[in-house]
Amino acid sequence: MGYYISVPFVPTPMEVVREMLRVAGLKPGETVLDLGCGDGRVLVVAAKEFGARAIGIELRSDLVSKAALNAIKEGVRDRVLIIHGNFFELRLPPADVIFLYLLTSVNERLRPKLEREAKPGTRIVSHDFEVVGWKPKKIVEFRDGGRSHRIYLYVRE
Protein backbone atom coordinates (compact mmCIF):
# COMPACT_ATOMS: atom_id res chain seq x y z
CA MET A 1 0.00 0.00 0.00
CA GLY A 2 1.26 3.45 -0.85
CA TYR A 3 2.06 6.26 1.52
CA TYR A 4 -0.33 9.19 1.55
CA ILE A 5 0.43 12.44 3.26
CA SER A 6 -1.48 15.67 3.26
CA VAL A 7 0.65 18.77 2.95
CA PRO A 8 -1.30 22.02 2.84
CA PHE A 9 -0.97 24.03 -0.37
CA VAL A 10 1.01 27.10 0.60
CA PRO A 11 2.51 28.68 -2.53
CA THR A 12 6.16 29.67 -2.40
CA PRO A 13 6.41 33.44 -3.00
CA MET A 14 7.70 34.16 -6.53
CA GLU A 15 10.91 35.88 -5.40
CA VAL A 16 11.69 32.90 -3.17
CA VAL A 17 11.12 30.54 -6.13
CA ARG A 18 13.61 32.55 -8.20
CA GLU A 19 16.17 32.62 -5.38
CA MET A 20 15.82 28.87 -4.78
CA LEU A 21 16.43 28.12 -8.46
CA ARG A 22 19.45 30.48 -8.43
CA VAL A 23 20.82 28.80 -5.28
CA ALA A 24 20.36 25.42 -7.01
CA GLY A 25 22.31 26.71 -10.02
CA LEU A 26 19.58 25.76 -12.52
CA LYS A 27 20.92 26.16 -16.07
CA PRO A 28 19.21 26.28 -19.48
CA GLY A 29 18.42 22.80 -20.77
CA GLU A 30 18.48 21.19 -17.33
CA THR A 31 15.42 19.53 -15.81
CA VAL A 32 13.79 20.58 -12.55
CA LEU A 33 11.38 18.29 -10.71
CA ASP A 34 8.91 19.87 -8.28
CA LEU A 35 7.42 17.37 -5.82
CA GLY A 36 3.98 18.68 -4.92
CA CYS A 37 3.98 21.31 -7.66
CA GLY A 38 0.74 23.02 -6.60
CA ASP A 39 -0.24 25.75 -9.07
CA GLY A 40 2.88 25.18 -11.19
CA ARG A 41 4.63 28.45 -10.39
CA VAL A 42 8.04 26.76 -9.97
CA LEU A 43 7.61 24.96 -13.31
CA VAL A 44 6.67 28.18 -15.11
CA VAL A 45 9.56 30.20 -13.65
CA ALA A 46 12.06 27.39 -14.34
CA ALA A 47 10.95 27.12 -17.98
CA LYS A 48 10.32 30.80 -18.73
CA GLU A 49 13.16 32.50 -16.84
CA PHE A 50 15.83 29.78 -16.61
CA GLY A 51 15.30 27.96 -19.93
CA ALA A 52 14.86 24.65 -18.15
CA ARG A 53 12.54 21.72 -18.71
CA ALA A 54 10.18 21.29 -15.77
CA ILE A 55 8.28 18.33 -14.36
CA GLY A 56 5.78 18.57 -11.52
CA ILE A 57 4.07 15.83 -9.58
CA GLU A 58 0.84 16.84 -7.84
CA LEU A 59 -1.72 14.78 -5.94
CA ARG A 60 -4.66 17.21 -6.04
CA SER A 61 -6.54 17.21 -9.37
CA ASP A 62 -7.69 20.84 -8.95
CA LEU A 63 -4.05 21.95 -8.64
CA VAL A 64 -2.98 19.76 -11.59
CA SER A 65 -5.54 21.63 -13.72
CA LYS A 66 -4.42 25.00 -12.38
CA ALA A 67 -0.74 24.19 -13.04
CA ALA A 68 -1.53 23.07 -16.61
CA LEU A 69 -3.51 26.27 -17.28
CA ASN A 70 -0.67 28.40 -15.88
CA ALA A 71 1.86 26.67 -18.16
CA ILE A 72 -0.38 27.31 -21.16
CA LYS A 73 -1.09 30.92 -20.15
CA GLU A 74 2.64 31.62 -19.69
CA GLY A 75 3.58 30.04 -23.03
CA VAL A 76 5.75 27.22 -21.65
CA ARG A 77 3.48 24.22 -22.21
CA ASP A 78 6.09 22.62 -24.49
CA ARG A 79 8.69 22.56 -21.65
CA VAL A 80 6.42 21.63 -18.74
CA LEU A 81 5.06 18.20 -17.81
CA ILE A 82 2.60 17.81 -14.95
CA ILE A 83 1.99 14.34 -13.56
CA HIS A 84 -1.16 13.71 -11.52
CA GLY A 85 -0.15 11.31 -8.78
CA ASN A 86 1.46 10.59 -5.44
CA PHE A 87 5.24 11.09 -5.59
CA PHE A 88 5.70 8.38 -2.96
CA GLU A 89 4.13 5.86 -5.35
CA LEU A 90 5.75 6.97 -8.61
CA ARG A 91 9.30 6.42 -9.79
CA LEU A 92 10.90 9.86 -9.82
CA PRO A 93 11.77 11.09 -13.31
CA PRO A 94 15.46 11.95 -13.85
CA ALA A 95 16.18 15.56 -12.88
CA ASP A 96 19.14 17.87 -12.34
CA VAL A 97 17.33 19.82 -9.60
CA ILE A 98 14.59 18.64 -7.24
CA PHE A 99 12.48 21.36 -5.63
CA LEU A 100 10.81 20.74 -2.25
CA TYR A 101 8.40 22.81 -0.19
CA LEU A 102 7.11 20.09 2.08
CA LEU A 103 7.20 19.56 5.83
CA THR A 104 10.31 18.31 7.65
CA SER A 105 8.44 15.08 8.50
CA VAL A 106 7.62 14.55 4.80
CA ASN A 107 11.22 15.31 3.74
CA GLU A 108 12.41 12.76 6.29
CA ARG A 109 10.02 10.14 4.91
CA LEU A 110 11.06 11.07 1.34
CA ARG A 111 14.82 10.89 2.01
CA PRO A 112 15.25 7.11 1.36
CA LYS A 113 13.36 7.45 -1.94
CA LEU A 114 15.59 10.36 -3.00
CA GLU A 115 18.66 8.34 -2.01
CA ARG A 116 17.47 5.42 -4.17
CA GLU A 117 16.09 7.29 -7.18
CA ALA A 118 17.91 10.63 -7.57
CA LYS A 119 21.08 10.31 -9.61
CA PRO A 120 24.41 11.35 -8.04
CA GLY A 121 25.01 15.07 -8.46
CA THR A 122 21.31 15.99 -8.31
CA ARG A 123 20.82 19.28 -6.49
CA ILE A 124 17.94 19.20 -4.02
CA VAL A 125 16.66 22.56 -2.84
CA SER A 126 14.17 22.82 0.02
CA HIS A 127 12.19 25.84 1.19
CA ASP A 128 12.14 26.30 4.99
CA PHE A 129 12.27 22.60 5.88
CA GLU A 130 15.49 20.61 6.15
CA VAL A 131 16.10 17.02 5.12
CA VAL A 132 16.94 15.39 8.45
CA GLY A 133 20.05 13.21 8.19
CA TRP A 134 21.60 15.13 5.30
CA LYS A 135 24.20 17.86 5.62
CA PRO A 136 23.32 20.88 3.47
CA LYS A 137 25.99 22.22 1.09
CA LYS A 138 24.53 25.67 1.66
CA ILE A 139 21.87 27.38 3.78
CA VAL A 140 20.65 30.75 2.52
CA GLU A 141 18.55 33.17 4.54
CA PHE A 142 16.35 35.17 2.17
CA ARG A 143 14.00 38.01 3.03
CA ASP A 144 10.89 38.59 0.94
CA GLY A 145 8.63 41.33 2.19
CA GLY A 146 8.59 41.06 5.95
CA ARG A 147 9.23 37.33 6.11
CA SER A 148 12.48 35.44 6.34
CA HIS A 149 12.85 32.22 4.34
CA ARG A 150 15.49 29.55 4.74
CA ILE A 151 16.72 27.77 1.62
CA TYR A 152 18.56 24.46 2.03
CA LEU A 153 20.73 23.15 -0.81
CA TYR A 154 21.78 19.50 -0.83
CA VAL A 155 23.75 17.62 -3.47
CA ARG A 156 23.02 13.91 -3.86
CA GLU A 157 26.26 11.97 -3.34
C-alpha atoms as a PDB file:
ATOM      1  CA  MET A   1       0.000   0.000   0.000  1.00  0.00           C
ATOM      2  CA  GLY A   2       1.259   3.452  -0.850  1.00  0.00           C
ATOM      3  CA  TYR A   3       2.062   6.262   1.518  1.00  0.00           C
ATOM      4  CA  TYR A   4      -0.334   9.190   1.550  1.00  0.00           C
ATOM      5  CA  ILE A   5       0.431  12.440   3.261  1.00  0.00           C
ATOM      6  CA  SER A   6      -1.477  15.665   3.262  1.00  0.00           C
ATOM      7  CA  VAL A   7       0.646  18.765   2.948  1.00  0.00           C
ATOM      8  CA  PRO A   8      -1.304  22.016   2.840  1.00  0.00           C
ATOM      9  CA  PHE A   9      -0.968  24.027  -0.371  1.00  0.00           C
ATOM     10  CA  VAL A  10       1.013  27.098   0.600  1.00  0.00           C
ATOM     11  CA  PRO A  11       2.510  28.678  -2.526  1.00  0.00           C
ATOM     12  CA  THR A  12       6.165  29.670  -2.397  1.00  0.00           C
ATOM     13  CA  PRO A  13       6.412  33.436  -3.002  1.00  0.00           C
ATOM     14  CA  MET A  14       7.697  34.163  -6.527  1.00  0.00           C
ATOM     15  CA  GLU A  15      10.914  35.878  -5.404  1.00  0.00           C
ATOM     16  CA  VAL A  16      11.691  32.895  -3.172  1.00  0.00           C
ATOM     17  CA  VAL A  17      11.116  30.539  -6.134  1.00  0.00           C
ATOM     18  CA  ARG A  18      13.610  32.553  -8.198  1.00  0.00           C
ATOM     19  CA  GLU A  19      16.166  32.625  -5.383  1.00  0.00           C
ATOM     20  CA  MET A  20      15.822  28.870  -4.781  1.00  0.00           C
ATOM     21  CA  LEU A  21      16.426  28.122  -8.462  1.00  0.00           C
ATOM     22  CA  ARG A  22      19.447  30.483  -8.429  1.00  0.00           C
ATOM     23  CA  VAL A  23      20.823  28.802  -5.284  1.00  0.00           C
ATOM     24  CA  ALA A  24      20.360  25.418  -7.007  1.00  0.00           C
ATOM     25  CA  GLY A  25      22.314  26.714 -10.020  1.00  0.00           C
ATOM     26  CA  LEU A  26      19.583  25.757 -12.516  1.00  0.00           C
ATOM     27  CA  LYS A  27      20.919  26.155 -16.068  1.00  0.00           C
ATOM     28  CA  PRO A  28      19.208  26.278 -19.483  1.00  0.00           C
ATOM     29  CA  GLY A  29      18.425  22.796 -20.773  1.00  0.00           C
ATOM     30  CA  GLU A  30      18.476  21.191 -17.332  1.00  0.00           C
ATOM     31  CA  THR A  31      15.421  19.532 -15.808  1.00  0.00           C
ATOM     32  CA  VAL A  32      13.792  20.577 -12.548  1.00  0.00           C
ATOM     33  CA  LEU A  33      11.382  18.286 -10.705  1.00  0.00           C
ATOM     34  CA  ASP A  34       8.906  19.869  -8.276  1.00  0.00           C
ATOM     35  CA  LEU A  35       7.421  17.370  -5.821  1.00  0.00           C
ATOM     36  CA  GLY A  36       3.979  18.677  -4.917  1.00  0.00           C
ATOM     37  CA  CYS A  37       3.979  21.314  -7.659  1.00  0.00           C
ATOM     38  CA  GLY A  38       0.741  23.019  -6.600  1.00  0.00           C
ATOM     39  CA  ASP A  39      -0.242  25.746  -9.070  1.00  0.00           C
ATOM     40  CA  GLY A  40       2.881  25.175 -11.194  1.00  0.00           C
ATOM     41  CA  ARG A  41       4.626  28.451 -10.394  1.00  0.00           C
ATOM     42  CA  VAL A  42       8.041  26.764  -9.973  1.00  0.00           C
ATOM     43  CA  LEU A  43       7.605  24.959 -13.308  1.00  0.00           C
ATOM     44  CA  VAL A  44       6.666  28.182 -15.111  1.00  0.00           C
ATOM     45  CA  VAL A  45       9.563  30.198 -13.646  1.00  0.00           C
ATOM     46  CA  ALA A  46      12.058  27.392 -14.338  1.00  0.00           C
ATOM     47  CA  ALA A  47      10.948  27.120 -17.982  1.00  0.00           C
ATOM     48  CA  LYS A  48      10.322  30.797 -18.734  1.00  0.00           C
ATOM     49  CA  GLU A  49      13.163  32.504 -16.841  1.00  0.00           C
ATOM     50  CA  PHE A  50      15.832  29.781 -16.607  1.00  0.00           C
ATOM     51  CA  GLY A  51      15.300  27.962 -19.933  1.00  0.00           C
ATOM     52  CA  ALA A  52      14.862  24.648 -18.146  1.00  0.00           C
ATOM     53  CA  ARG A  53      12.538  21.725 -18.712  1.00  0.00           C
ATOM     54  CA  ALA A  54      10.178  21.289 -15.766  1.00  0.00           C
ATOM     55  CA  ILE A  55       8.277  18.325 -14.361  1.00  0.00           C
ATOM     56  CA  GLY A  56       5.781  18.572 -11.522  1.00  0.00           C
ATOM     57  CA  ILE A  57       4.074  15.834  -9.578  1.00  0.00           C
ATOM     58  CA  GLU A  58       0.842  16.840  -7.835  1.00  0.00           C
ATOM     59  CA  LEU A  59      -1.722  14.777  -5.944  1.00  0.00           C
ATOM     60  CA  ARG A  60      -4.662  17.212  -6.039  1.00  0.00           C
ATOM     61  CA  SER A  61      -6.538  17.214  -9.368  1.00  0.00           C
ATOM     62  CA  ASP A  62      -7.686  20.838  -8.953  1.00  0.00           C
ATOM     63  CA  LEU A  63      -4.051  21.949  -8.639  1.00  0.00           C
ATOM     64  CA  VAL A  64      -2.979  19.759 -11.591  1.00  0.00           C
ATOM     65  CA  SER A  65      -5.543  21.629 -13.722  1.00  0.00           C
ATOM     66  CA  LYS A  66      -4.425  25.004 -12.380  1.00  0.00           C
ATOM     67  CA  ALA A  67      -0.740  24.191 -13.041  1.00  0.00           C
ATOM     68  CA  ALA A  68      -1.534  23.075 -16.611  1.00  0.00           C
ATOM     69  CA  LEU A  69      -3.505  26.266 -17.275  1.00  0.00           C
ATOM     70  CA  ASN A  70      -0.672  28.396 -15.878  1.00  0.00           C
ATOM     71  CA  ALA A  71       1.864  26.666 -18.158  1.00  0.00           C
ATOM     72  CA  ILE A  72      -0.375  27.309 -21.164  1.00  0.00           C
ATOM     73  CA  LYS A  73      -1.091  30.917 -20.145  1.00  0.00           C
ATOM     74  CA  GLU A  74       2.635  31.618 -19.691  1.00  0.00           C
ATOM     75  CA  GLY A  75       3.577  30.036 -23.033  1.00  0.00           C
ATOM     76  CA  VAL A  76       5.747  27.217 -21.654  1.00  0.00           C
ATOM     77  CA  ARG A  77       3.482  24.219 -22.209  1.00  0.00           C
ATOM     78  CA  ASP A  78       6.091  22.621 -24.491  1.00  0.00           C
ATOM     79  CA  ARG A  79       8.692  22.560 -21.647  1.00  0.00           C
ATOM     80  CA  VAL A  80       6.419  21.628 -18.744  1.00  0.00           C
ATOM     81  CA  LEU A  81       5.059  18.201 -17.813  1.00  0.00           C
ATOM     82  CA  ILE A  82       2.596  17.812 -14.953  1.00  0.00           C
ATOM     83  CA  ILE A  83       1.987  14.336 -13.556  1.00  0.00           C
ATOM     84  CA  HIS A  84      -1.155  13.708 -11.522  1.00  0.00           C
ATOM     85  CA  GLY A  85      -0.153  11.307  -8.782  1.00  0.00           C
ATOM     86  CA  ASN A  86       1.464  10.587  -5.444  1.00  0.00           C
ATOM     87  CA  PHE A  87       5.238  11.094  -5.593  1.00  0.00           C
ATOM     88  CA  PHE A  88       5.703   8.383  -2.956  1.00  0.00           C
ATOM     89  CA  GLU A  89       4.128   5.859  -5.348  1.00  0.00           C
ATOM     90  CA  LEU A  90       5.747   6.972  -8.611  1.00  0.00           C
ATOM     91  CA  ARG A  91       9.297   6.418  -9.786  1.00  0.00           C
ATOM     92  CA  LEU A  92      10.896   9.861  -9.823  1.00  0.00           C
ATOM     93  CA  PRO A  93      11.775  11.089 -13.309  1.00  0.00           C
ATOM     94  CA  PRO A  94      15.456  11.952 -13.849  1.00  0.00           C
ATOM     95  CA  ALA A  95      16.179  15.561 -12.876  1.00  0.00           C
ATOM     96  CA  ASP A  96      19.137  17.871 -12.338  1.00  0.00           C
ATOM     97  CA  VAL A  97      17.334  19.824  -9.603  1.00  0.00           C
ATOM     98  CA  ILE A  98      14.595  18.640  -7.240  1.00  0.00           C
ATOM     99  CA  PHE A  99      12.481  21.359  -5.628  1.00  0.00           C
ATOM    100  CA  LEU A 100      10.809  20.739  -2.252  1.00  0.00           C
ATOM    101  CA  TYR A 101       8.396  22.807  -0.187  1.00  0.00           C
ATOM    102  CA  LEU A 102       7.108  20.094   2.083  1.00  0.00           C
ATOM    103  CA  LEU A 103       7.199  19.561   5.834  1.00  0.00           C
ATOM    104  CA  THR A 104      10.314  18.311   7.652  1.00  0.00           C
ATOM    105  CA  SER A 105       8.443  15.077   8.500  1.00  0.00           C
ATOM    106  CA  VAL A 106       7.624  14.552   4.795  1.00  0.00           C
ATOM    107  CA  ASN A 107      11.218  15.312   3.743  1.00  0.00           C
ATOM    108  CA  GLU A 108      12.409  12.757   6.294  1.00  0.00           C
ATOM    109  CA  ARG A 109      10.017  10.136   4.907  1.00  0.00           C
ATOM    110  CA  LEU A 110      11.056  11.072   1.341  1.00  0.00           C
ATOM    111  CA  ARG A 111      14.816  10.887   2.010  1.00  0.00           C
ATOM    112  CA  PRO A 112      15.251   7.114   1.365  1.00  0.00           C
ATOM    113  CA  LYS A 113      13.357   7.449  -1.936  1.00  0.00           C
ATOM    114  CA  LEU A 114      15.587  10.362  -2.995  1.00  0.00           C
ATOM    115  CA  GLU A 115      18.662   8.339  -2.005  1.00  0.00           C
ATOM    116  CA  ARG A 116      17.473   5.424  -4.172  1.00  0.00           C
ATOM    117  CA  GLU A 117      16.093   7.295  -7.182  1.00  0.00           C
ATOM    118  CA  ALA A 118      17.908  10.628  -7.571  1.00  0.00           C
ATOM    119  CA  LYS A 119      21.081  10.314  -9.611  1.00  0.00           C
ATOM    120  CA  PRO A 120      24.410  11.352  -8.042  1.00  0.00           C
ATOM    121  CA  GLY A 121      25.006  15.072  -8.460  1.00  0.00           C
ATOM    122  CA  THR A 122      21.309  15.994  -8.310  1.00  0.00           C
ATOM    123  CA  ARG A 123      20.819  19.279  -6.488  1.00  0.00           C
ATOM    124  CA  ILE A 124      17.943  19.200  -4.022  1.00  0.00           C
ATOM    125  CA  VAL A 125      16.663  22.556  -2.837  1.00  0.00           C
ATOM    126  CA  SER A 126      14.172  22.822   0.025  1.00  0.00           C
ATOM    127  CA  HIS A 127      12.194  25.839   1.189  1.00  0.00           C
ATOM    128  CA  ASP A 128      12.136  26.304   4.987  1.00  0.00           C
ATOM    129  CA  PHE A 129      12.275  22.601   5.877  1.00  0.00           C
ATOM    130  CA  GLU A 130      15.493  20.612   6.148  1.00  0.00           C
ATOM    131  CA  VAL A 131      16.096  17.022   5.123  1.00  0.00           C
ATOM    132  CA  VAL A 132      16.945  15.390   8.449  1.00  0.00           C
ATOM    133  CA  GLY A 133      20.048  13.210   8.193  1.00  0.00           C
ATOM    134  CA  TRP A 134      21.602  15.126   5.302  1.00  0.00           C
ATOM    135  CA  LYS A 135      24.203  17.856   5.619  1.00  0.00           C
ATOM    136  CA  PRO A 136      23.322  20.879   3.468  1.00  0.00           C
ATOM    137  CA  LYS A 137      25.986  22.221   1.095  1.00  0.00           C
ATOM    138  CA  LYS A 138      24.528  25.668   1.664  1.00  0.00           C
ATOM    139  CA  ILE A 139      21.868  27.380   3.778  1.00  0.00           C
ATOM    140  CA  VAL A 140      20.654  30.749   2.516  1.00  0.00           C
ATOM    141  CA  GLU A 141      18.549  33.166   4.537  1.00  0.00           C
ATOM    142  CA  PHE A 142      16.345  35.166   2.167  1.00  0.00           C
ATOM    143  CA  ARG A 143      14.001  38.007   3.027  1.00  0.00           C
ATOM    144  CA  ASP A 144      10.892  38.590   0.941  1.00  0.00           C
ATOM    145  CA  GLY A 145       8.632  41.334   2.189  1.00  0.00           C
ATOM    146  CA  GLY A 146       8.589  41.063   5.948  1.00  0.00           C
ATOM    147  CA  ARG A 147       9.234  37.335   6.112  1.00  0.00           C
ATOM    148  CA  SER A 148      12.484  35.438   6.338  1.00  0.00           C
ATOM    149  CA  HIS A 149      12.853  32.223   4.339  1.00  0.00           C
ATOM    150  CA  ARG A 150      15.492  29.553   4.738  1.00  0.00           C
ATOM    151  CA  ILE A 151      16.722  27.768   1.619  1.00  0.00           C
ATOM    152  CA  TYR A 152      18.559  24.465   2.028  1.00  0.00           C
ATOM    153  CA  LEU A 153      20.730  23.152  -0.810  1.00  0.00           C
ATOM    154  CA  TYR A 154      21.781  19.500  -0.828  1.00  0.00           C
ATOM    155  CA  VAL A 155      23.749  17.619  -3.469  1.00  0.00           C
ATOM    156  CA  ARG A 156      23.021  13.911  -3.865  1.00  0.00           C
ATOM    157  CA  GLU A 157      26.256  11.974  -3.336  1.00  0.00           C
END
